[in-house]
Amino acid sequence: MGKLNAALIGTGFMGRVHAENLRRLGNVAILAVAASSEQKAREFARASGIERATGDYRTLLDDPAIHAVHVLTPNTLHHPMVKAALGAGKHVLCEKPSPRRWPRRVN
């Protein structure tokens, strides 16, 4: 398997944790980061050695080079972000998804 290209959505504590751990894997490249503002994203990207930064996570979902996204935002933001990422065909890792926000599956 080749290198997996990932993007991080969220630049708080868990963003730093995931960035460090992804680097240690050796087969994952972090192509981009999204934050609640362009400035936060640029600062995180600069400190983490990530080339691309944006204040709008949706712009990352259109990039075919990104295979997976890590959603590392507050729980109340998880549902729309995960739904959009899955709709864009991305693999998703969601940090502590909030089950209260997800519709219940009916069999």
Protein backbone atom coordinates (compact mmCIF):
# COMPACT_ATOMS: atom_id res chain seq x y z
CA MET A 1 0.00 0.00 0.00
CA GLY A 2 1.23 3.49 -0.83
CA LYS A 3 1.21 6.56 1.34
CA LEU A 4 -2.13 7.66 2.77
CA ASN A 5 -2.83 11.38 2.40
CA ALA A 6 -4.71 12.90 5.32
CA ALA A 7 -6.09 16.24 6.43
CA LEU A 8 -6.77 17.46 9.95
CA ILE A 9 -9.91 19.39 10.79
CA GLY A 10 -9.24 21.09 14.11
CA THR A 11 -6.11 22.61 15.56
CA GLY A 12 -6.57 22.34 19.29
CA PHE A 13 -4.87 19.89 21.62
CA MET A 14 -6.12 16.83 19.71
CA GLY A 15 -4.96 18.34 16.43
CA ARG A 16 -1.41 18.44 17.77
CA VAL A 17 -1.72 14.91 19.15
CA HIS A 18 -2.98 13.48 15.87
CA ALA A 19 -0.40 15.35 13.79
CA GLU A 20 2.42 13.92 15.89
CA ASN A 21 1.04 10.40 15.88
CA LEU A 22 0.35 10.38 12.14
CA ARG A 23 3.94 11.43 11.48
CA ARG A 24 5.20 8.52 13.57
CA LEU A 25 3.34 6.01 11.39
CA GLY A 26 5.64 6.66 8.46
CA ASN A 27 3.07 5.88 5.76
CA VAL A 28 0.80 8.91 6.23
CA ALA A 29 1.33 12.39 4.79
CA ILE A 30 -0.61 15.29 6.30
CA LEU A 31 -1.46 17.39 3.27
CA ALA A 32 -3.65 20.04 4.88
CA VAL A 33 -5.22 21.43 8.01
CA ALA A 34 -8.48 23.30 8.57
CA ALA A 35 -9.34 25.45 11.57
CA SER A 36 -12.09 27.80 12.67
CA SER A 37 -10.15 30.67 11.07
CA GLU A 38 -7.58 31.05 8.33
CA GLN A 39 -5.11 32.54 10.82
CA LYS A 40 -5.38 29.61 13.26
CA ALA A 41 -4.96 27.17 10.40
CA ARG A 42 -1.88 28.98 9.05
CA GLU A 43 -0.26 29.16 12.49
CA PHE A 44 -0.84 25.46 13.13
CA ALA A 45 0.38 24.53 9.65
CA ARG A 46 3.52 26.61 10.00
CA ALA A 47 4.34 25.11 13.43
CA SER A 48 3.60 21.57 12.21
CA GLY A 49 5.26 21.69 8.79
CA ILE A 50 2.00 21.28 6.89
CA GLU A 51 1.87 23.06 3.55
CA ARG A 52 -1.82 23.78 3.11
CA ALA A 53 -4.10 25.61 5.56
CA THR A 54 -7.66 26.84 5.37
CA GLY A 55 -10.37 28.34 7.51
CA ASP A 56 -13.04 26.32 5.65
CA TYR A 57 -12.81 22.54 6.00
CA ARG A 58 -15.13 22.02 3.01
CA THR A 59 -12.38 23.12 0.62
CA LEU A 60 -10.34 20.08 1.71
CA LEU A 61 -13.15 17.68 0.88
CA ASP A 62 -13.00 18.59 -2.81
CA ASP A 63 -9.33 17.61 -3.07
CA PRO A 64 -8.97 14.13 -4.61
CA ALA A 65 -5.42 13.87 -3.24
CA ILE A 66 -6.80 13.73 0.31
CA HIS A 67 -7.88 10.19 1.18
CA ALA A 68 -8.82 10.63 4.83
CA VAL A 69 -9.76 13.34 7.30
CA HIS A 70 -9.45 13.47 11.07
CA VAL A 71 -12.28 15.44 12.67
CA LEU A 72 -10.81 16.92 15.85
CA THR A 73 -13.29 19.66 16.63
CA PRO A 74 -15.75 20.15 19.50
CA ASN A 75 -18.46 17.47 19.61
CA THR A 76 -21.24 19.80 18.49
CA LEU A 77 -19.47 20.24 15.12
CA HIS A 78 -18.85 16.56 14.41
CA HIS A 79 -22.07 15.60 12.67
CA PRO A 80 -22.04 18.10 9.77
CA MET A 81 -18.30 17.69 9.22
CA VAL A 82 -18.34 13.89 9.25
CA LYS A 83 -21.43 13.78 7.06
CA ALA A 84 -19.82 16.11 4.51
CA ALA A 85 -16.55 14.15 4.53
CA LEU A 86 -18.30 10.82 4.04
CA GLY A 87 -20.41 12.37 1.27
CA ALA A 88 -17.18 13.44 -0.42
CA GLY A 89 -15.91 9.85 -0.31
CA LYS A 90 -13.27 10.40 2.36
CA HIS A 91 -12.28 7.96 5.07
CA VAL A 92 -13.05 9.55 8.43
CA LEU A 93 -11.64 9.33 11.92
CA CYS A 94 -13.78 11.30 14.34
CA GLU A 95 -12.35 12.11 17.75
CA LYS A 96 -14.94 11.13 20.39
CA PRO A 97 -18.06 11.33 18.23
CA SER A 98 -21.10 12.45 20.15
CA PRO A 99 -23.76 9.72 19.81
CA ARG A 100 -26.50 12.12 20.91
CA ARG A 101 -26.07 14.07 17.70
CA TRP A 102 -26.39 11.08 15.37
CA PRO A 103 -29.75 9.72 14.25
CA ARG A 104 -30.59 6.32 15.64
CA ARG A 105 -30.55 3.42 13.21
CA VAL A 106 -33.84 1.60 12.92
CA ASN A 107 -33.75 -2.01 11.73
